[in-house]
Amino acid sequence: MAQLFPKHHVMGFIFSLVLTVVAMAVVVYDLSYTAAMAILLITAFMQAGVQLVMFMHAGESEDKVTIYTNVIYMVFFAIVTILGTLLLFIWDM
């Protein structure tokens, strides 16, 4: 029976809940803007990592190097898109 129980999935779910509670605590305790953004960014990236590894099974397939390379590629293009948008619309460059 122990082999059938999804221990890692339950641990990932609990960790996701803890990260969500930490993010909600930022709002409840009315932290400063800098501290709030730092905590929210850290918890968001940790949450994305937990979701990718635990629930989307990114590390369980044979081509996990390809999957992680594609994730890094997508993150790079997301950052370039966000910074490009900020440069054009907000920073007026």
PDB file of N, CA and C in Angstrom:
ATOM      1  N   MET A   1       0.819  -1.193   0.000  1.00  0.00           N
ATOM      2  CA  MET A   1       0.000   0.000   0.000  1.00  0.00           C
ATOM      3  C   MET A   1       0.867   1.263   0.000  1.00  0.00           C
ATOM      4  N   ALA A   2       2.026   1.184   0.646  1.00  0.00           N
ATOM      5  CA  ALA A   2       2.905   2.346   0.701  1.00  0.00           C
ATOM      6  C   ALA A   2       3.418   2.729  -0.684  1.00  0.00           C
ATOM      7  N   GLN A   3       3.520   1.750  -1.575  1.00  0.00           N
ATOM      8  CA  GLN A   3       3.994   2.041  -2.919  1.00  0.00           C
ATOM      9  C   GLN A   3       2.942   2.787  -3.733  1.00  0.00           C
ATOM     10  N   LEU A   4       1.688   2.624  -3.395  1.00  0.00           N
ATOM     11  CA  LEU A   4       0.608   3.267  -4.137  1.00  0.00           C
ATOM     12  C   LEU A   4       0.311   4.683  -3.656  1.00  0.00           C
ATOM     13  N   PHE A   5       0.732   5.026  -2.454  1.00  0.00           N
ATOM     14  CA  PHE A   5       0.453   6.353  -1.908  1.00  0.00           C
ATOM     15  C   PHE A   5       1.395   7.376  -2.536  1.00  0.00           C
ATOM     16  N   PRO A   6       0.867   8.441  -3.119  1.00  0.00           N
ATOM     17  CA  PRO A   6       1.722   9.443  -3.801  1.00  0.00           C
ATOM     18  C   PRO A   6       2.367  10.411  -2.801  1.00  0.00           C
ATOM     19  N   LYS A   7       3.347   9.916  -2.063  1.00  0.00           N
ATOM     20  CA  LYS A   7       3.985  10.700  -1.005  1.00  0.00           C
ATOM     21  C   LYS A   7       4.589  12.002  -1.536  1.00  0.00           C
ATOM     22  N   HIS A   8       5.269  11.933  -2.657  1.00  0.00           N
ATOM     23  CA  HIS A   8       5.911  13.131  -3.213  1.00  0.00           C
ATOM     24  C   HIS A   8       4.882  14.161  -3.676  1.00  0.00           C
ATOM     25  N   HIS A   9       3.772  13.704  -4.210  1.00  0.00           N
ATOM     26  CA  HIS A   9       2.735  14.633  -4.648  1.00  0.00           C
ATOM     27  C   HIS A   9       2.074  15.330  -3.462  1.00  0.00           C
ATOM     28  N   VAL A  10       1.862  14.593  -2.398  1.00  0.00           N
ATOM     29  CA  VAL A  10       1.274  15.198  -1.201  1.00  0.00           C
ATOM     30  C   VAL A  10       2.240  16.206  -0.593  1.00  0.00           C
ATOM     31  N   MET A  11       3.524  15.875  -0.553  1.00  0.00           N
ATOM     32  CA  MET A  11       4.522  16.814  -0.037  1.00  0.00           C
ATOM     33  C   MET A  11       4.588  18.066  -0.915  1.00  0.00           C
ATOM     34  N   GLY A  12       4.511  17.893  -2.230  1.00  0.00           N
ATOM     35  CA  GLY A  12       4.509  19.033  -3.140  1.00  0.00           C
ATOM     36  C   GLY A  12       3.278  19.900  -2.952  1.00  0.00           C
ATOM     37  N   PHE A  13       2.127  19.261  -2.732  1.00  0.00           N
ATOM     38  CA  PHE A  13       0.897  20.011  -2.501  1.00  0.00           C
ATOM     39  C   PHE A  13       0.981  20.808  -1.201  1.00  0.00           C
ATOM     40  N   ILE A  14       1.491  20.194  -0.148  1.00  0.00           N
ATOM     41  CA  ILE A  14       1.639  20.892   1.134  1.00  0.00           C
ATOM     42  C   ILE A  14       2.626  22.045   0.996  1.00  0.00           C
ATOM     43  N   PHE A  15       3.722  21.828   0.276  1.00  0.00           N
ATOM     44  CA  PHE A  15       4.701  22.896   0.070  1.00  0.00           C
ATOM     45  C   PHE A  15       4.083  24.037  -0.734  1.00  0.00           C
ATOM     46  N   SER A  16       3.245  23.714  -1.716  1.00  0.00           N
ATOM     47  CA  SER A  16       2.548  24.753  -2.485  1.00  0.00           C
ATOM     48  C   SER A  16       1.613  25.549  -1.587  1.00  0.00           C
ATOM     49  N   LEU A  17       0.919  24.867  -0.688  1.00  0.00           N
ATOM     50  CA  LEU A  17       0.044  25.568   0.255  1.00  0.00           C
ATOM     51  C   LEU A  17       0.835  26.484   1.181  1.00  0.00           C
ATOM     52  N   VAL A  18       1.985  26.016   1.656  1.00  0.00           N
ATOM     53  CA  VAL A  18       2.827  26.843   2.530  1.00  0.00           C
ATOM     54  C   VAL A  18       3.305  28.085   1.787  1.00  0.00           C
ATOM     55  N   LEU A  19       3.723  27.918   0.540  1.00  0.00           N
ATOM     56  CA  LEU A  19       4.158  29.072  -0.252  1.00  0.00           C
ATOM     57  C   LEU A  19       3.012  30.050  -0.486  1.00  0.00           C
ATOM     58  N   THR A  20       1.813  29.544  -0.673  1.00  0.00           N
ATOM     59  CA  THR A  20       0.650  30.403  -0.851  1.00  0.00           C
ATOM     60  C   THR A  20       0.342  31.175   0.426  1.00  0.00           C
ATOM     61  N   VAL A  21       0.454  30.521   1.569  1.00  0.00           N
ATOM     62  CA  VAL A  21       0.219  31.190   2.851  1.00  0.00           C
ATOM     63  C   VAL A  21       1.274  32.273   3.090  1.00  0.00           C
ATOM     64  N   VAL A  22       2.511  32.001   2.724  1.00  0.00           N
ATOM     65  CA  VAL A  22       3.567  33.016   2.861  1.00  0.00           C
ATOM     66  C   VAL A  22       3.262  34.221   1.976  1.00  0.00           C
ATOM     67  N   ALA A  23       2.809  33.974   0.759  1.00  0.00           N
ATOM     68  CA  ALA A  23       2.464  35.079  -0.139  1.00  0.00           C
ATOM     69  C   ALA A  23       1.268  35.869   0.392  1.00  0.00           C
ATOM     70  N   MET A  24       0.308  35.191   0.977  1.00  0.00           N
ATOM     71  CA  MET A  24      -0.848  35.893   1.553  1.00  0.00           C
ATOM     72  C   MET A  24      -0.457  36.682   2.801  1.00  0.00           C
ATOM     73  N   ALA A  25       0.538  36.201   3.527  1.00  0.00           N
ATOM     74  CA  ALA A  25       0.994  36.901   4.723  1.00  0.00           C
ATOM     75  C   ALA A  25       1.607  38.253   4.372  1.00  0.00           C
ATOM     76  N   VAL A  26       2.152  38.370   3.183  1.00  0.00           N
ATOM     77  CA  VAL A  26       2.703  39.646   2.737  1.00  0.00           C
ATOM     78  C   VAL A  26       1.605  40.701   2.712  1.00  0.00           C
ATOM     79  N   VAL A  27       0.438  40.315   2.245  1.00  0.00           N
ATOM     80  CA  VAL A  27      -0.680  41.248   2.171  1.00  0.00           C
ATOM     81  C   VAL A  27      -1.241  41.530   3.563  1.00  0.00           C
ATOM     82  N   VAL A  28      -1.372  40.495   4.371  1.00  0.00           N
ATOM     83  CA  VAL A  28      -1.981  40.644   5.690  1.00  0.00           C
ATOM     84  C   VAL A  28      -1.130  41.518   6.606  1.00  0.00           C
ATOM     85  N   TYR A  29       0.181  41.317   6.573  1.00  0.00           N
ATOM     86  CA  TYR A  29       1.061  42.064   7.474  1.00  0.00           C
ATOM     87  C   TYR A  29       1.521  43.396   6.904  1.00  0.00           C
ATOM     88  N   ASP A  30       1.078  43.762   5.708  1.00  0.00           N
ATOM     89  CA  ASP A  30       1.344  45.068   5.098  1.00  0.00           C
ATOM     90  C   ASP A  30       2.832  45.429   5.151  1.00  0.00           C
ATOM     91  N   LEU A  31       3.646  44.590   4.540  1.00  0.00           N
ATOM     92  CA  LEU A  31       5.090  44.813   4.512  1.00  0.00           C
ATOM     93  C   LEU A  31       5.434  45.966   3.575  1.00  0.00           C
ATOM     94  N   SER A  32       6.665  46.427   3.673  1.00  0.00           N
ATOM     95  CA  SER A  32       7.103  47.491   2.771  1.00  0.00           C
ATOM     96  C   SER A  32       7.128  46.961   1.336  1.00  0.00           C
ATOM     97  N   TYR A  33       7.125  47.870   0.389  1.00  0.00           N
ATOM     98  CA  TYR A  33       7.061  47.490  -1.022  1.00  0.00           C
ATOM     99  C   TYR A  33       8.250  46.608  -1.408  1.00  0.00           C
ATOM    100  N   THR A  34       9.444  46.975  -0.973  1.00  0.00           N
ATOM    101  CA  THR A  34      10.641  46.220  -1.347  1.00  0.00           C
ATOM    102  C   THR A  34      10.617  44.814  -0.768  1.00  0.00           C
ATOM    103  N   ALA A  35      10.285  44.713   0.510  1.00  0.00           N
ATOM    104  CA  ALA A  35      10.238  43.396   1.145  1.00  0.00           C
ATOM    105  C   ALA A  35       9.121  42.546   0.551  1.00  0.00           C
ATOM    106  N   ALA A  36       7.972  43.165   0.293  1.00  0.00           N
ATOM    107  CA  ALA A  36       6.842  42.424  -0.263  1.00  0.00           C
ATOM    108  C   ALA A  36       7.174  41.886  -1.649  1.00  0.00           C
ATOM    109  N   MET A  37       7.768  42.702  -2.509  1.00  0.00           N
ATOM    110  CA  MET A  37       8.102  42.252  -3.851  1.00  0.00           C
ATOM    111  C   MET A  37       9.169  41.165  -3.828  1.00  0.00           C
ATOM    112  N   ALA A  38      10.139  41.294  -2.940  1.00  0.00           N
ATOM    113  CA  ALA A  38      11.176  40.263  -2.836  1.00  0.00           C
ATOM    114  C   ALA A  38      10.564  38.929  -2.410  1.00  0.00           C
ATOM    115  N   ILE A  39       9.722  38.957  -1.396  1.00  0.00           N
ATOM    116  CA  ILE A  39       9.096  37.726  -0.912  1.00  0.00           C
ATOM    117  C   ILE A  39       8.177  37.142  -1.977  1.00  0.00           C
ATOM    118  N   LEU A  40       7.401  37.983  -2.645  1.00  0.00           N
ATOM    119  CA  LEU A  40       6.482  37.489  -3.670  1.00  0.00           C
ATOM    120  C   LEU A  40       7.219  36.895  -4.870  1.00  0.00           C
ATOM    121  N   LEU A  41       8.307  37.519  -5.282  1.00  0.00           N
ATOM    122  CA  LEU A  41       9.078  36.967  -6.400  1.00  0.00           C
ATOM    123  C   LEU A  41       9.715  35.633  -6.040  1.00  0.00           C
ATOM    124  N   ILE A  42      10.271  35.550  -4.845  1.00  0.00           N
ATOM    125  CA  ILE A  42      10.902  34.301  -4.418  1.00  0.00           C
ATOM    126  C   ILE A  42       9.873  33.183  -4.315  1.00  0.00           C
ATOM    127  N   THR A  43       8.734  33.471  -3.679  1.00  0.00           N
ATOM    128  CA  THR A  43       7.715  32.430  -3.553  1.00  0.00           C
ATOM    129  C   THR A  43       7.107  32.056  -4.909  1.00  0.00           C
ATOM    130  N   ALA A  44       7.001  33.016  -5.819  1.00  0.00           N
ATOM    131  CA  ALA A  44       6.447  32.716  -7.144  1.00  0.00           C
ATOM    132  C   ALA A  44       7.361  31.776  -7.925  1.00  0.00           C
ATOM    133  N   PHE A  45       8.652  32.033  -7.899  1.00  0.00           N
ATOM    134  CA  PHE A  45       9.575  31.164  -8.610  1.00  0.00           C
ATOM    135  C   PHE A  45       9.675  29.788  -7.958  1.00  0.00           C
ATOM    136  N   MET A  46       9.620  29.758  -6.635  1.00  0.00           N
ATOM    137  CA  MET A  46       9.616  28.463  -5.952  1.00  0.00           C
ATOM    138  C   MET A  46       8.344  27.685  -6.282  1.00  0.00           C
ATOM    139  N   GLN A  47       7.224  28.373  -6.316  1.00  0.00           N
ATOM    140  CA  GLN A  47       5.953  27.733  -6.654  1.00  0.00           C
ATOM    141  C   GLN A  47       5.985  27.181  -8.081  1.00  0.00           C
ATOM    142  N   ALA A  48       6.530  27.945  -8.996  1.00  0.00           N
ATOM    143  CA  ALA A  48       6.642  27.470 -10.385  1.00  0.00           C
ATOM    144  C   ALA A  48       7.541  26.247 -10.469  1.00  0.00           C
ATOM    145  N   GLY A  49       8.624  26.250  -9.715  1.00  0.00           N
ATOM    146  CA  GLY A  49       9.517  25.090  -9.699  1.00  0.00           C
ATOM    147  C   GLY A  49       8.850  23.853  -9.139  1.00  0.00           C
ATOM    148  N   VAL A  50       8.102  24.024  -8.053  1.00  0.00           N
ATOM    149  CA  VAL A  50       7.380  22.890  -7.463  1.00  0.00           C
ATOM    150  C   VAL A  50       6.360  22.348  -8.454  1.00  0.00           C
ATOM    151  N   GLN A  51       5.621  23.236  -9.107  1.00  0.00           N
ATOM    152  CA  GLN A  51       4.615  22.793 -10.068  1.00  0.00           C
ATOM    153  C   GLN A  51       5.259  22.050 -11.241  1.00  0.00           C
ATOM    154  N   LEU A  52       6.375  22.556 -11.719  1.00  0.00           N
ATOM    155  CA  LEU A  52       7.045  21.954 -12.870  1.00  0.00           C
ATOM    156  C   LEU A  52       7.593  20.574 -12.536  1.00  0.00           C
ATOM    157  N   VAL A  53       8.249  20.454 -11.414  1.00  0.00           N
ATOM    158  CA  VAL A  53       8.902  19.195 -11.077  1.00  0.00           C
ATOM    159  C   VAL A  53       7.921  18.179 -10.508  1.00  0.00           C
ATOM    160  N   MET A  54       7.077  18.604  -9.569  1.00  0.00           N
ATOM    161  CA  MET A  54       6.216  17.648  -8.871  1.00  0.00           C
ATOM    162  C   MET A  54       4.987  17.249  -9.684  1.00  0.00           C
ATOM    163  N   PHE A  55       4.312  18.205 -10.283  1.00  0.00           N
ATOM    164  CA  PHE A  55       3.016  17.911 -10.875  1.00  0.00           C
ATOM    165  C   PHE A  55       3.049  17.778 -12.392  1.00  0.00           C
ATOM    166  N   MET A  56       4.048  18.354 -13.032  1.00  0.00           N
ATOM    167  CA  MET A  56       4.145  18.209 -14.481  1.00  0.00           C
ATOM    168  C   MET A  56       5.181  17.156 -14.856  1.00  0.00           C
ATOM    169  N   HIS A  57       5.804  16.525 -13.867  1.00  0.00           N
ATOM    170  CA  HIS A  57       6.724  15.399 -14.040  1.00  0.00           C
ATOM    171  C   HIS A  57       7.866  15.724 -14.998  1.00  0.00           C
ATOM    172  N   ALA A  58       8.452  16.890 -14.836  1.00  0.00           N
ATOM    173  CA  ALA A  58       9.502  17.307 -15.761  1.00  0.00           C
ATOM    174  C   ALA A  58      10.764  16.462 -15.616  1.00  0.00           C
ATOM    175  N   GLY A  59      11.064  15.991 -14.431  1.00  0.00           N
ATOM    176  CA  GLY A  59      12.298  15.239 -14.235  1.00  0.00           C
ATOM    177  C   GLY A  59      12.153  13.746 -14.390  1.00  0.00           C
ATOM    178  N   GLU A  60      10.965  13.261 -14.698  1.00  0.00           N
ATOM    179  CA  GLU A  60      10.748  11.819 -14.742  1.00  0.00           C
ATOM    180  C   GLU A  60      10.893  11.210 -16.123  1.00  0.00           C
ATOM    181  N   SER A  61      10.921  12.009 -17.159  1.00  0.00           N
ATOM    182  CA  SER A  61      10.996  11.445 -18.508  1.00  0.00           C
ATOM    183  C   SER A  61      12.454  11.272 -18.924  1.00  0.00           C
ATOM    184  N   GLU A  62      12.631  10.566 -20.034  1.00  0.00           N
ATOM    185  CA  GLU A  62      13.983  10.300 -20.520  1.00  0.00           C
ATOM    186  C   GLU A  62      14.637  11.538 -21.124  1.00  0.00           C
ATOM    187  N   ASP A  63      13.835  12.462 -21.621  1.00  0.00           N
ATOM    188  CA  ASP A  63      14.384  13.660 -22.248  1.00  0.00           C
ATOM    189  C   ASP A  63      14.277  14.871 -21.320  1.00  0.00           C
ATOM    190  N   LYS A  64      14.634  14.688 -20.050  1.00  0.00           N
ATOM    191  CA  LYS A  64      14.508  15.790 -19.096  1.00  0.00           C
ATOM    192  C   LYS A  64      15.477  16.927 -19.404  1.00  0.00           C
ATOM    193  N   VAL A  65      16.609  16.639 -20.036  1.00  0.00           N
ATOM    194  CA  VAL A  65      17.531  17.714 -20.418  1.00  0.00           C
ATOM    195  C   VAL A  65      16.859  18.631 -21.433  1.00  0.00           C
ATOM    196  N   THR A  66      16.144  18.051 -22.366  1.00  0.00           N
ATOM    197  CA  THR A  66      15.423  18.841 -23.370  1.00  0.00           C
ATOM    198  C   THR A  66      14.326  19.674 -22.716  1.00  0.00           C
ATOM    199  N   ILE A  67      13.620  19.085 -21.778  1.00  0.00           N
ATOM    200  CA  ILE A  67      12.540  19.812 -21.102  1.00  0.00           C
ATOM    201  C   ILE A  67      13.096  20.988 -20.323  1.00  0.00           C
ATOM    202  N   TYR A  68      14.162  20.772 -19.549  1.00  0.00           N
ATOM    203  CA  TYR A  68      14.747  21.870 -18.779  1.00  0.00           C
ATOM    204  C   TYR A  68      15.368  22.927 -19.678  1.00  0.00           C
ATOM    205  N   THR A  69      15.946  22.514 -20.803  1.00  0.00           N
ATOM    206  CA  THR A  69      16.491  23.486 -21.751  1.00  0.00           C
ATOM    207  C   THR A  69      15.374  24.353 -22.322  1.00  0.00           C
ATOM    208  N   ASN A  70      14.249  23.742 -22.650  1.00  0.00           N
ATOM    209  CA  ASN A  70      13.115  24.510 -23.162  1.00  0.00           C
ATOM    210  C   ASN A  70      12.554  25.460 -22.112  1.00  0.00           C
ATOM    211  N   VAL A  71      12.540  25.054 -20.863  1.00  0.00           N
ATOM    212  CA  VAL A  71      12.059  25.933 -19.793  1.00  0.00           C
ATOM    213  C   VAL A  71      12.981  27.136 -19.648  1.00  0.00           C
ATOM    214  N   ILE A  72      14.271  26.905 -19.672  1.00  0.00           N
ATOM    215  CA  ILE A  72      15.231  28.019 -19.575  1.00  0.00           C
ATOM    216  C   ILE A  72      15.076  28.948 -20.775  1.00  0.00           C
ATOM    217  N   TYR A  73      14.879  28.372 -21.950  1.00  0.00           N
ATOM    218  CA  TYR A  73      14.657  29.148 -23.177  1.00  0.00           C
ATOM    219  C   TYR A  73      13.407  30.018 -23.046  1.00  0.00           C
ATOM    220  N   MET A  74      12.330  29.449 -22.523  1.00  0.00           N
ATOM    221  CA  MET A  74      11.089  30.207 -22.353  1.00  0.00           C
ATOM    222  C   MET A  74      11.233  31.317 -21.315  1.00  0.00           C
ATOM    223  N   VAL A  75      11.942  31.042 -20.231  1.00  0.00           N
ATOM    224  CA  VAL A  75      12.162  32.064 -19.202  1.00  0.00           C
ATOM    225  C   VAL A  75      12.981  33.210 -19.778  1.00  0.00           C
ATOM    226  N   PHE A  76      13.990  32.877 -20.579  1.00  0.00           N
ATOM    227  CA  PHE A  76      14.804  33.914 -21.211  1.00  0.00           C
ATOM    228  C   PHE A  76      13.947  34.817 -22.091  1.00  0.00           C
ATOM    229  N   PHE A  77      13.106  34.222 -22.929  1.00  0.00           N
ATOM    230  CA  PHE A  77      12.268  35.032 -23.805  1.00  0.00           C
ATOM    231  C   PHE A  77      11.199  35.803 -23.042  1.00  0.00           C
ATOM    232  N   ALA A  78      10.728  35.263 -21.934  1.00  0.00           N
ATOM    233  CA  ALA A  78       9.782  36.010 -21.105  1.00  0.00           C
ATOM    234  C   ALA A  78      10.452  37.238 -20.505  1.00  0.00           C
ATOM    235  N   ILE A  79      11.677  37.083 -20.020  1.00  0.00           N
ATOM    236  CA  ILE A  79      12.400  38.218 -19.445  1.00  0.00           C
ATOM    237  C   ILE A  79      12.696  39.265 -20.520  1.00  0.00           C
ATOM    238  N   VAL A  80      13.107  38.820 -21.703  1.00  0.00           N
ATOM    239  CA  VAL A  80      13.381  39.761 -22.795  1.00  0.00           C
ATOM    240  C   VAL A  80      12.108  40.512 -23.186  1.00  0.00           C
ATOM    241  N   THR A  81      10.988  39.804 -23.236  1.00  0.00           N
ATOM    242  CA  THR A  81       9.718  40.448 -23.589  1.00  0.00           C
ATOM    243  C   THR A  81       9.303  41.465 -22.538  1.00  0.00           C
ATOM    244  N   ILE A  82       9.431  41.105 -21.275  1.00  0.00           N
ATOM    245  CA  ILE A  82       9.056  42.020 -20.193  1.00  0.00           C
ATOM    246  C   ILE A  82       9.956  43.246 -20.178  1.00  0.00           C
ATOM    247  N   LEU A  83      11.263  43.029 -20.276  1.00  0.00           N
ATOM    248  CA  LEU A  83      12.183  44.174 -20.279  1.00  0.00           C
ATOM    249  C   LEU A  83      11.994  45.037 -21.524  1.00  0.00           C
ATOM    250  N   GLY A  84      11.740  44.428 -22.668  1.00  0.00           N
ATOM    251  CA  GLY A  84      11.480  45.199 -23.879  1.00  0.00           C
ATOM    252  C   GLY A  84      10.227  46.042 -23.759  1.00  0.00           C
ATOM    253  N   THR A  85       9.195  45.482 -23.147  1.00  0.00           N
ATOM    254  CA  THR A  85       7.961  46.236 -22.932  1.00  0.00           C
ATOM    255  C   THR A  85       8.198  47.395 -21.980  1.00  0.00           C
ATOM    256  N   LEU A  86       8.949  47.148 -20.918  1.00  0.00           N
ATOM    257  CA  LEU A  86       9.258  48.231 -19.978  1.00  0.00           C
ATOM    258  C   LEU A  86      10.079  49.322 -20.648  1.00  0.00           C
ATOM    259  N   LEU A  87      11.049  48.919 -21.468  1.00  0.00           N
ATOM    260  CA  LEU A  87      11.861  49.911 -22.170  1.00  0.00           C
ATOM    261  C   LEU A  87      11.011  50.779 -23.085  1.00  0.00           C
ATOM    262  N   LEU A  88      10.086  50.164 -23.796  1.00  0.00           N
ATOM    263  CA  LEU A  88       9.287  50.925 -24.754  1.00  0.00           C
ATOM    264  C   LEU A  88       8.220  51.785 -24.097  1.00  0.00           C
ATOM    265  N   PHE A  89       7.456  51.218 -23.192  1.00  0.00           N
ATOM    266  CA  PHE A  89       6.277  51.893 -22.698  1.00  0.00           C
ATOM    267  C   PHE A  89       6.494  52.712 -21.433  1.00  0.00           C
ATOM    268  N   ILE A  90       7.382  52.286 -20.576  1.00  0.00           N
ATOM    269  CA  ILE A  90       7.529  52.983 -19.293  1.00  0.00           C
ATOM    270  C   ILE A  90       8.783  53.859 -19.277  1.00  0.00           C
ATOM    271  N   TRP A  91       9.903  53.271 -19.699  1.00  0.00           N
ATOM    272  CA  TRP A  91      11.146  54.030 -19.603  1.00  0.00           C
ATOM    273  C   TRP A  91      11.382  54.903 -20.832  1.00  0.00           C
ATOM    274  N   ASP A  92      10.540  54.817 -21.833  1.00  0.00           N
ATOM    275  CA  ASP A  92      10.541  55.691 -23.005  1.00  0.00           C
ATOM    276  C   ASP A  92      11.872  55.689 -23.756  1.00  0.00           C
ATOM    277  N   MET A  93      12.427  54.515 -24.001  1.00  0.00           N
ATOM    278  CA  MET A  93      13.696  54.427 -24.709  1.00  0.00           C
ATOM    279  C   MET A  93      13.511  53.882 -26.091  1.00  0.00           C
TER     280      MET A  93
END
